[in-house]
Amino acid sequence: MVKEEFSALTLTEKVKVLYLHGSFVVGIRYYSYKVNLYLLRKDFIEVFYNHKLDQIERVDFLERNHTRMKFYLDQIKIA
């Protein structure tokens, strides 16, 4: 599955693909979210969970040069 195909999936379908085929890397707190970072093949994908609403609000690709990457790098080493 390529990025375009994954992006076209529903939120529920994206979560299912990640849990079946992705690897959990690390979780961080980001504003009002708990954000879990997954590795799906060679792509990093973030899952934004709003604990106050008890729901996943967003599942998006994270580019390796995005400024949020520094929050993950503080906790682990990503090659």
N, C-alpha and C. Protein backbone atom coordinates (compact mmCIF):
# COMPACT_ATOMS: atom_id res chain seq x y z
N MET A 1 0.85 -1.18 0.00
CA MET A 1 0.00 0.00 0.00
C MET A 1 0.89 1.24 0.00
N VAL A 2 0.60 2.15 -0.90
CA VAL A 2 1.38 3.38 -1.01
C VAL A 2 0.70 4.48 -0.18
N LYS A 3 1.41 5.60 0.00
CA LYS A 3 0.90 6.70 0.82
C LYS A 3 -0.47 7.18 0.36
N GLU A 4 -0.66 7.30 -0.93
CA GLU A 4 -1.93 7.79 -1.45
C GLU A 4 -3.07 6.85 -1.09
N GLU A 5 -2.82 5.56 -1.18
CA GLU A 5 -3.86 4.58 -0.83
C GLU A 5 -4.18 4.64 0.66
N PHE A 6 -3.13 4.73 1.48
CA PHE A 6 -3.34 4.80 2.92
C PHE A 6 -4.10 6.08 3.27
N SER A 7 -3.73 7.19 2.67
CA SER A 7 -4.38 8.47 2.96
C SER A 7 -5.85 8.46 2.58
N ALA A 8 -6.23 7.66 1.59
CA ALA A 8 -7.62 7.60 1.14
C ALA A 8 -8.51 6.75 2.04
N LEU A 9 -7.90 5.98 2.94
CA LEU A 9 -8.68 5.13 3.84
C LEU A 9 -9.44 5.96 4.87
N THR A 10 -10.48 5.37 5.42
CA THR A 10 -11.19 6.01 6.52
C THR A 10 -10.31 5.94 7.77
N LEU A 11 -10.65 6.72 8.76
CA LEU A 11 -9.91 6.71 10.02
C LEU A 11 -9.87 5.30 10.62
N THR A 12 -10.99 4.63 10.63
CA THR A 12 -11.07 3.27 11.17
C THR A 12 -10.18 2.31 10.40
N GLU A 13 -10.18 2.43 9.08
CA GLU A 13 -9.36 1.56 8.25
C GLU A 13 -7.87 1.82 8.48
N LYS A 14 -7.50 3.11 8.63
CA LYS A 14 -6.09 3.45 8.90
C LYS A 14 -5.63 2.82 10.20
N VAL A 15 -6.44 2.94 11.22
CA VAL A 15 -6.09 2.37 12.53
C VAL A 15 -5.93 0.86 12.42
N LYS A 16 -6.82 0.21 11.71
CA LYS A 16 -6.75 -1.25 11.54
C LYS A 16 -5.45 -1.66 10.84
N VAL A 17 -5.10 -0.94 9.77
CA VAL A 17 -3.86 -1.24 9.04
C VAL A 17 -2.65 -1.08 9.96
N LEU A 18 -2.63 0.01 10.75
CA LEU A 18 -1.51 0.25 11.65
C LEU A 18 -1.38 -0.83 12.70
N TYR A 19 -2.49 -1.21 13.30
CA TYR A 19 -2.43 -2.21 14.37
C TYR A 19 -2.10 -3.60 13.84
N LEU A 20 -2.46 -3.88 12.59
CA LEU A 20 -2.15 -5.19 12.02
C LEU A 20 -0.76 -5.25 11.40
N HIS A 21 -0.31 -4.15 10.79
CA HIS A 21 0.92 -4.19 10.01
C HIS A 21 2.00 -3.22 10.46
N GLY A 22 1.66 -2.30 11.34
CA GLY A 22 2.63 -1.32 11.80
C GLY A 22 3.33 -1.77 13.07
N SER A 23 4.38 -1.05 13.42
CA SER A 23 5.12 -1.29 14.66
C SER A 23 5.09 -0.03 15.50
N PHE A 24 4.65 -0.17 16.75
CA PHE A 24 4.63 0.96 17.67
C PHE A 24 6.06 1.35 17.99
N VAL A 25 6.36 2.66 17.94
CA VAL A 25 7.71 3.14 18.23
C VAL A 25 7.74 3.81 19.60
N VAL A 26 6.92 4.84 19.79
CA VAL A 26 6.94 5.58 21.06
C VAL A 26 5.70 6.47 21.11
N GLY A 27 5.32 6.86 22.31
CA GLY A 27 4.21 7.79 22.48
C GLY A 27 4.69 9.04 23.19
N ILE A 28 4.07 10.17 22.85
CA ILE A 28 4.39 11.44 23.50
C ILE A 28 3.09 12.16 23.86
N ARG A 29 3.21 13.15 24.71
CA ARG A 29 2.10 14.08 24.98
C ARG A 29 2.36 15.32 24.13
N TYR A 30 1.34 15.76 23.42
CA TYR A 30 1.48 16.93 22.55
C TYR A 30 0.20 17.74 22.66
N TYR A 31 0.29 18.86 23.37
CA TYR A 31 -0.87 19.67 23.69
C TYR A 31 -1.91 18.79 24.39
N SER A 32 -3.12 18.70 23.86
CA SER A 32 -4.16 17.91 24.54
C SER A 32 -4.21 16.47 24.03
N TYR A 33 -3.21 16.07 23.28
CA TYR A 33 -3.21 14.75 22.67
C TYR A 33 -2.16 13.82 23.28
N LYS A 34 -2.45 12.55 23.22
CA LYS A 34 -1.47 11.49 23.38
C LYS A 34 -1.20 11.06 21.95
N VAL A 35 0.04 11.20 21.49
CA VAL A 35 0.36 10.88 20.10
C VAL A 35 1.28 9.66 20.08
N ASN A 36 0.82 8.63 19.39
CA ASN A 36 1.62 7.42 19.24
C ASN A 36 2.25 7.42 17.86
N LEU A 37 3.53 7.11 17.82
CA LEU A 37 4.27 7.05 16.56
C LEU A 37 4.41 5.59 16.16
N TYR A 38 4.07 5.31 14.92
CA TYR A 38 4.17 3.96 14.37
C TYR A 38 5.08 3.97 13.15
N LEU A 39 5.68 2.84 12.88
CA LEU A 39 6.46 2.64 11.66
C LEU A 39 5.69 1.65 10.80
N LEU A 40 5.35 2.08 9.61
CA LEU A 40 4.67 1.22 8.63
C LEU A 40 5.56 1.18 7.40
N ARG A 41 6.21 0.04 7.21
CA ARG A 41 7.28 -0.09 6.23
C ARG A 41 8.36 0.94 6.55
N LYS A 42 8.57 1.93 5.73
CA LYS A 42 9.61 2.94 6.00
C LYS A 42 9.01 4.29 6.36
N ASP A 43 7.71 4.33 6.58
CA ASP A 43 7.03 5.59 6.87
C ASP A 43 6.65 5.69 8.34
N PHE A 44 6.79 6.89 8.90
CA PHE A 44 6.33 7.15 10.25
C PHE A 44 4.91 7.70 10.17
N ILE A 45 4.05 7.19 11.03
CA ILE A 45 2.65 7.61 11.07
C ILE A 45 2.29 7.92 12.51
N GLU A 46 1.62 9.05 12.70
CA GLU A 46 1.19 9.47 14.03
C GLU A 46 -0.30 9.22 14.20
N VAL A 47 -0.65 8.76 15.41
CA VAL A 47 -2.05 8.57 15.79
C VAL A 47 -2.32 9.54 16.93
N PHE A 48 -3.23 10.49 16.69
CA PHE A 48 -3.57 11.51 17.68
C PHE A 48 -4.80 11.08 18.46
N TYR A 49 -4.60 10.82 19.75
CA TYR A 49 -5.68 10.37 20.62
C TYR A 49 -6.03 11.48 21.61
N ASN A 50 -7.30 11.87 21.62
CA ASN A 50 -7.79 12.88 22.55
C ASN A 50 -8.38 12.14 23.75
N HIS A 51 -7.67 12.16 24.86
CA HIS A 51 -8.10 11.38 26.01
C HIS A 51 -9.34 11.98 26.68
N LYS A 52 -9.56 13.28 26.54
CA LYS A 52 -10.75 13.89 27.12
C LYS A 52 -12.02 13.43 26.40
N LEU A 53 -11.91 13.26 25.09
CA LEU A 53 -13.04 12.78 24.30
C LEU A 53 -13.03 11.26 24.13
N ASP A 54 -11.92 10.63 24.56
CA ASP A 54 -11.74 9.19 24.44
C ASP A 54 -11.92 8.72 22.99
N GLN A 55 -11.18 9.40 22.08
CA GLN A 55 -11.27 9.00 20.68
C GLN A 55 -10.01 9.39 19.91
N ILE A 56 -9.76 8.62 18.88
CA ILE A 56 -8.69 8.94 17.95
C ILE A 56 -9.25 9.99 17.00
N GLU A 57 -8.53 11.11 16.88
CA GLU A 57 -9.01 12.20 16.03
C GLU A 57 -8.31 12.27 14.69
N ARG A 58 -7.08 11.78 14.63
CA ARG A 58 -6.32 11.95 13.39
C ARG A 58 -5.25 10.88 13.28
N VAL A 59 -5.02 10.43 12.05
CA VAL A 59 -3.93 9.50 11.72
C VAL A 59 -3.25 10.08 10.49
N ASP A 60 -1.99 10.51 10.65
CA ASP A 60 -1.29 11.19 9.55
C ASP A 60 0.16 10.74 9.45
N PHE A 61 0.70 10.88 8.24
CA PHE A 61 2.13 10.64 8.04
C PHE A 61 2.93 11.74 8.72
N LEU A 62 4.09 11.39 9.21
CA LEU A 62 5.01 12.36 9.79
C LEU A 62 6.28 12.37 8.95
N GLU A 63 6.55 13.49 8.34
CA GLU A 63 7.78 13.62 7.56
C GLU A 63 8.97 13.65 8.50
N ARG A 64 10.06 13.06 8.10
CA ARG A 64 11.24 12.96 8.96
C ARG A 64 11.84 14.32 9.32
N ASN A 65 11.56 15.34 8.54
CA ASN A 65 12.11 16.67 8.82
C ASN A 65 11.11 17.58 9.54
N HIS A 66 9.98 17.04 9.96
CA HIS A 66 8.98 17.84 10.67
C HIS A 66 9.51 18.22 12.05
N THR A 67 9.17 19.42 12.52
CA THR A 67 9.68 19.90 13.81
C THR A 67 9.22 19.04 14.98
N ARG A 68 8.08 18.37 14.85
CA ARG A 68 7.60 17.51 15.94
C ARG A 68 8.49 16.28 16.15
N MET A 69 9.28 15.96 15.15
CA MET A 69 10.17 14.80 15.26
C MET A 69 11.11 14.94 16.45
N LYS A 70 11.46 16.19 16.83
CA LYS A 70 12.38 16.38 17.96
C LYS A 70 11.81 15.85 19.26
N PHE A 71 10.48 15.86 19.42
CA PHE A 71 9.87 15.32 20.63
C PHE A 71 10.09 13.81 20.73
N TYR A 72 10.06 13.14 19.59
CA TYR A 72 10.31 11.70 19.58
C TYR A 72 11.80 11.41 19.79
N LEU A 73 12.64 12.21 19.16
CA LEU A 73 14.07 11.98 19.23
C LEU A 73 14.61 12.19 20.64
N ASP A 74 13.90 12.98 21.44
CA ASP A 74 14.30 13.15 22.84
C ASP A 74 14.18 11.84 23.62
N GLN A 75 13.31 10.94 23.16
CA GLN A 75 13.05 9.69 23.88
C GLN A 75 13.75 8.48 23.29
N ILE A 76 13.97 8.49 21.98
CA ILE A 76 14.58 7.33 21.32
C ILE A 76 15.53 7.80 20.24
N LYS A 77 16.30 6.89 19.71
CA LYS A 77 17.18 7.20 18.58
C LYS A 77 16.55 6.58 17.34
N ILE A 78 16.24 7.43 16.37
CA ILE A 78 15.67 6.98 15.10
C ILE A 78 16.73 7.21 14.03
N ALA A 79 17.11 6.13 13.36
CA ALA A 79 18.14 6.24 12.32
C ALA A 79 17.56 6.83 11.05
